[in-house]
N, C-alpha and C. Protein backbone atom coordinates (compact mmCIF):
# COMPACT_ATOMS: atom_id res chain seq x y z
N MET A 1 10.31 -3.95 9.06
CA MET A 1 9.33 -3.41 10.00
C MET A 1 8.41 -4.54 10.43
N ILE A 2 8.08 -4.58 11.69
CA ILE A 2 7.15 -5.57 12.22
C ILE A 2 5.79 -4.92 12.42
N VAL A 3 4.76 -5.57 11.89
CA VAL A 3 3.39 -5.13 12.05
C VAL A 3 2.72 -6.12 13.01
N ASP A 4 2.42 -5.66 14.20
CA ASP A 4 1.85 -6.54 15.23
C ASP A 4 0.33 -6.42 15.23
N ALA A 5 -0.32 -7.47 14.73
CA ALA A 5 -1.78 -7.50 14.70
C ALA A 5 -2.31 -8.66 15.53
N ARG A 6 -1.50 -9.12 16.47
CA ARG A 6 -1.95 -10.21 17.34
C ARG A 6 -3.17 -9.76 18.14
N GLY A 7 -4.15 -10.65 18.24
CA GLY A 7 -5.35 -10.35 19.00
C GLY A 7 -6.43 -9.65 18.19
N HIS A 8 -6.15 -9.29 16.96
CA HIS A 8 -7.14 -8.63 16.11
C HIS A 8 -7.72 -9.63 15.11
N ARG A 9 -8.98 -9.43 14.79
CA ARG A 9 -9.68 -10.30 13.84
C ARG A 9 -9.71 -9.64 12.47
N CYS A 10 -9.98 -10.44 11.47
CA CYS A 10 -10.12 -9.98 10.09
C CYS A 10 -11.16 -8.84 10.05
N PRO A 11 -10.90 -7.78 9.33
CA PRO A 11 -9.82 -7.53 8.36
C PRO A 11 -8.66 -6.72 8.94
N THR A 12 -8.61 -6.53 10.25
CA THR A 12 -7.61 -5.64 10.85
C THR A 12 -6.16 -6.02 10.50
N PRO A 13 -5.75 -7.30 10.56
CA PRO A 13 -4.37 -7.59 10.20
C PRO A 13 -4.00 -7.12 8.78
N SER A 14 -4.87 -7.35 7.83
CA SER A 14 -4.60 -6.92 6.45
C SER A 14 -4.58 -5.40 6.34
N LEU A 15 -5.47 -4.74 7.06
CA LEU A 15 -5.51 -3.27 7.01
C LEU A 15 -4.25 -2.67 7.63
N LYS A 16 -3.79 -3.25 8.74
CA LYS A 16 -2.55 -2.76 9.37
C LYS A 16 -1.36 -2.98 8.45
N LEU A 17 -1.33 -4.11 7.78
CA LEU A 17 -0.24 -4.41 6.85
C LEU A 17 -0.27 -3.44 5.67
N GLN A 18 -1.44 -3.20 5.14
CA GLN A 18 -1.58 -2.28 4.00
C GLN A 18 -1.12 -0.87 4.39
N LYS A 19 -1.47 -0.43 5.59
CA LYS A 19 -1.04 0.90 6.07
C LYS A 19 0.48 0.96 6.18
N ALA A 20 1.08 -0.08 6.72
CA ALA A 20 2.54 -0.11 6.85
C ALA A 20 3.23 -0.13 5.50
N MET A 21 2.61 -0.74 4.51
CA MET A 21 3.19 -0.79 3.17
C MET A 21 3.33 0.61 2.57
N ARG A 22 2.43 1.51 2.94
CA ARG A 22 2.46 2.87 2.40
C ARG A 22 3.72 3.63 2.80
N VAL A 23 4.32 3.27 3.92
CA VAL A 23 5.51 3.99 4.40
C VAL A 23 6.79 3.14 4.27
N THR A 24 6.69 2.03 3.55
CA THR A 24 7.84 1.17 3.34
C THR A 24 8.37 1.38 1.92
N ALA A 25 9.67 1.42 1.79
CA ALA A 25 10.30 1.63 0.49
C ALA A 25 9.91 0.52 -0.48
N PRO A 26 9.81 0.85 -1.77
CA PRO A 26 9.52 -0.18 -2.77
C PRO A 26 10.54 -1.32 -2.69
N GLY A 27 10.04 -2.54 -2.74
CA GLY A 27 10.90 -3.70 -2.65
C GLY A 27 11.32 -4.05 -1.23
N GLY A 28 10.77 -3.34 -0.25
CA GLY A 28 11.10 -3.60 1.16
C GLY A 28 10.33 -4.80 1.69
N GLN A 29 10.68 -5.22 2.89
CA GLN A 29 9.99 -6.34 3.51
C GLN A 29 9.33 -5.93 4.81
N LEU A 30 8.19 -6.54 5.07
CA LEU A 30 7.45 -6.35 6.30
C LEU A 30 7.16 -7.71 6.91
N THR A 31 7.07 -7.75 8.23
CA THR A 31 6.70 -8.98 8.92
C THR A 31 5.42 -8.73 9.69
N LEU A 32 4.39 -9.48 9.37
CA LEU A 32 3.10 -9.38 10.05
C LEU A 32 3.00 -10.49 11.09
N LEU A 33 2.67 -10.12 12.32
CA LEU A 33 2.37 -11.08 13.38
C LEU A 33 0.87 -11.07 13.59
N ALA A 34 0.23 -12.23 13.46
CA ALA A 34 -1.22 -12.29 13.56
C ALA A 34 -1.65 -13.58 14.23
N THR A 35 -2.74 -13.50 14.99
CA THR A 35 -3.31 -14.69 15.62
C THR A 35 -4.59 -15.13 14.93
N ASP A 36 -5.12 -14.33 14.02
CA ASP A 36 -6.32 -14.69 13.27
C ASP A 36 -5.92 -15.63 12.13
N PRO A 37 -6.42 -16.87 12.15
CA PRO A 37 -6.04 -17.82 11.10
C PRO A 37 -6.42 -17.37 9.69
N MET A 38 -7.37 -16.48 9.57
CA MET A 38 -7.77 -15.98 8.24
C MET A 38 -6.65 -15.16 7.58
N ALA A 39 -5.70 -14.66 8.36
CA ALA A 39 -4.59 -13.90 7.78
C ALA A 39 -3.81 -14.76 6.81
N ARG A 40 -3.79 -16.07 7.04
CA ARG A 40 -3.08 -16.99 6.14
C ARG A 40 -3.69 -16.95 4.73
N ILE A 41 -4.97 -16.64 4.65
CA ILE A 41 -5.68 -16.56 3.37
C ILE A 41 -5.73 -15.12 2.87
N ASP A 42 -6.04 -14.19 3.78
CA ASP A 42 -6.24 -12.79 3.40
C ASP A 42 -4.98 -12.11 2.89
N VAL A 43 -3.85 -12.34 3.54
CA VAL A 43 -2.63 -11.63 3.16
C VAL A 43 -2.16 -12.01 1.75
N PRO A 44 -2.15 -13.28 1.36
CA PRO A 44 -1.78 -13.58 -0.02
C PRO A 44 -2.70 -12.91 -1.05
N HIS A 45 -3.99 -12.83 -0.74
CA HIS A 45 -4.92 -12.14 -1.64
C HIS A 45 -4.60 -10.65 -1.71
N LEU A 46 -4.30 -10.05 -0.57
CA LEU A 46 -3.94 -8.64 -0.53
C LEU A 46 -2.68 -8.39 -1.35
N MET A 47 -1.67 -9.22 -1.16
CA MET A 47 -0.41 -9.04 -1.89
C MET A 47 -0.61 -9.19 -3.39
N ALA A 48 -1.44 -10.14 -3.79
CA ALA A 48 -1.71 -10.32 -5.22
C ALA A 48 -2.38 -9.08 -5.80
N GLY A 49 -3.28 -8.49 -5.04
CA GLY A 49 -3.99 -7.32 -5.51
C GLY A 49 -3.13 -6.06 -5.56
N LEU A 50 -2.11 -6.00 -4.69
CA LEU A 50 -1.26 -4.81 -4.61
C LEU A 50 0.05 -4.97 -5.36
N GLY A 51 0.30 -6.15 -5.90
CA GLY A 51 1.54 -6.37 -6.63
C GLY A 51 2.70 -6.76 -5.75
N GLY A 52 2.43 -7.08 -4.48
CA GLY A 52 3.48 -7.51 -3.57
C GLY A 52 3.62 -9.02 -3.62
N GLN A 53 4.40 -9.55 -2.69
CA GLN A 53 4.69 -10.97 -2.71
C GLN A 53 4.79 -11.49 -1.28
N VAL A 54 4.23 -12.67 -1.04
CA VAL A 54 4.40 -13.34 0.25
C VAL A 54 5.71 -14.11 0.18
N VAL A 55 6.62 -13.80 1.08
CA VAL A 55 7.93 -14.45 1.12
C VAL A 55 7.84 -15.75 1.92
N SER A 56 7.17 -15.68 3.07
CA SER A 56 7.03 -16.89 3.90
C SER A 56 5.86 -16.74 4.86
N ILE A 57 5.33 -17.90 5.26
CA ILE A 57 4.29 -17.97 6.29
C ILE A 57 4.69 -19.08 7.25
N ASP A 58 4.86 -18.72 8.51
CA ASP A 58 5.18 -19.70 9.55
C ASP A 58 4.20 -19.53 10.70
N GLU A 59 3.98 -20.61 11.43
CA GLU A 59 3.10 -20.54 12.60
C GLU A 59 3.77 -21.21 13.78
N THR A 60 3.83 -20.51 14.89
CA THR A 60 4.39 -21.04 16.12
C THR A 60 3.49 -20.63 17.27
N ASP A 61 3.03 -21.61 18.02
CA ASP A 61 2.19 -21.36 19.20
C ASP A 61 0.98 -20.48 18.88
N GLY A 62 0.36 -20.71 17.72
CA GLY A 62 -0.84 -19.96 17.35
C GLY A 62 -0.59 -18.57 16.80
N VAL A 63 0.67 -18.19 16.61
CA VAL A 63 0.99 -16.89 16.04
C VAL A 63 1.55 -17.08 14.64
N LEU A 64 0.87 -16.48 13.67
CA LEU A 64 1.36 -16.50 12.30
C LEU A 64 2.42 -15.42 12.13
N THR A 65 3.50 -15.76 11.48
CA THR A 65 4.53 -14.80 11.10
C THR A 65 4.57 -14.82 9.58
N ILE A 66 4.08 -13.73 8.99
CA ILE A 66 3.98 -13.65 7.53
C ILE A 66 4.93 -12.55 7.06
N VAL A 67 5.90 -12.94 6.26
CA VAL A 67 6.86 -12.00 5.70
C VAL A 67 6.42 -11.69 4.27
N VAL A 68 6.30 -10.40 3.97
CA VAL A 68 5.88 -9.97 2.63
C VAL A 68 6.90 -8.98 2.07
N ALA A 69 6.97 -8.94 0.74
CA ALA A 69 7.80 -7.95 0.05
C ALA A 69 6.85 -6.98 -0.64
N THR A 70 7.13 -5.69 -0.47
CA THR A 70 6.30 -4.68 -1.12
C THR A 70 6.63 -4.66 -2.61
N PRO A 71 5.73 -4.12 -3.43
CA PRO A 71 6.00 -4.06 -4.86
C PRO A 71 7.27 -3.26 -5.13
N ALA A 72 8.01 -3.69 -6.14
CA ALA A 72 9.22 -2.98 -6.53
C ALA A 72 8.85 -1.65 -7.18
N ALA A 73 9.80 -0.73 -7.16
CA ALA A 73 9.58 0.57 -7.80
C ALA A 73 9.43 0.37 -9.31
N PRO A 74 8.51 1.11 -9.92
CA PRO A 74 8.35 0.97 -11.38
C PRO A 74 9.61 1.45 -12.10
N THR A 75 9.91 0.76 -13.18
CA THR A 75 11.06 1.18 -13.99
C THR A 75 10.55 1.87 -15.24
N ASP A 76 11.29 2.85 -15.65
CA ASP A 76 10.88 3.60 -16.86
C ASP A 76 11.58 3.09 -18.09
C-alpha cells in the first residue's frame, strides 16, 4: 500500500502511516511518500515505538520514499 503524504508537514506523514498500519496485515509492507524532511527522523522513531521496521529510505527530487514493515503477528 502506498501512503501519499507529499506536501504535508510533520506530524501528518507519521499519522497517515500509522492509520494505514491499522488496516495492513501483520508483517505487511507500506510505502510512505513524503516531502517533509522530518519524516526521515520521525518514521524510524514511530516504527521503533510500534514494533515495526524501516526497510529502506530513499530520496529522489525532494520526495522521500520510506518502506516500512508492520509488526509481525504475535506467536503463541
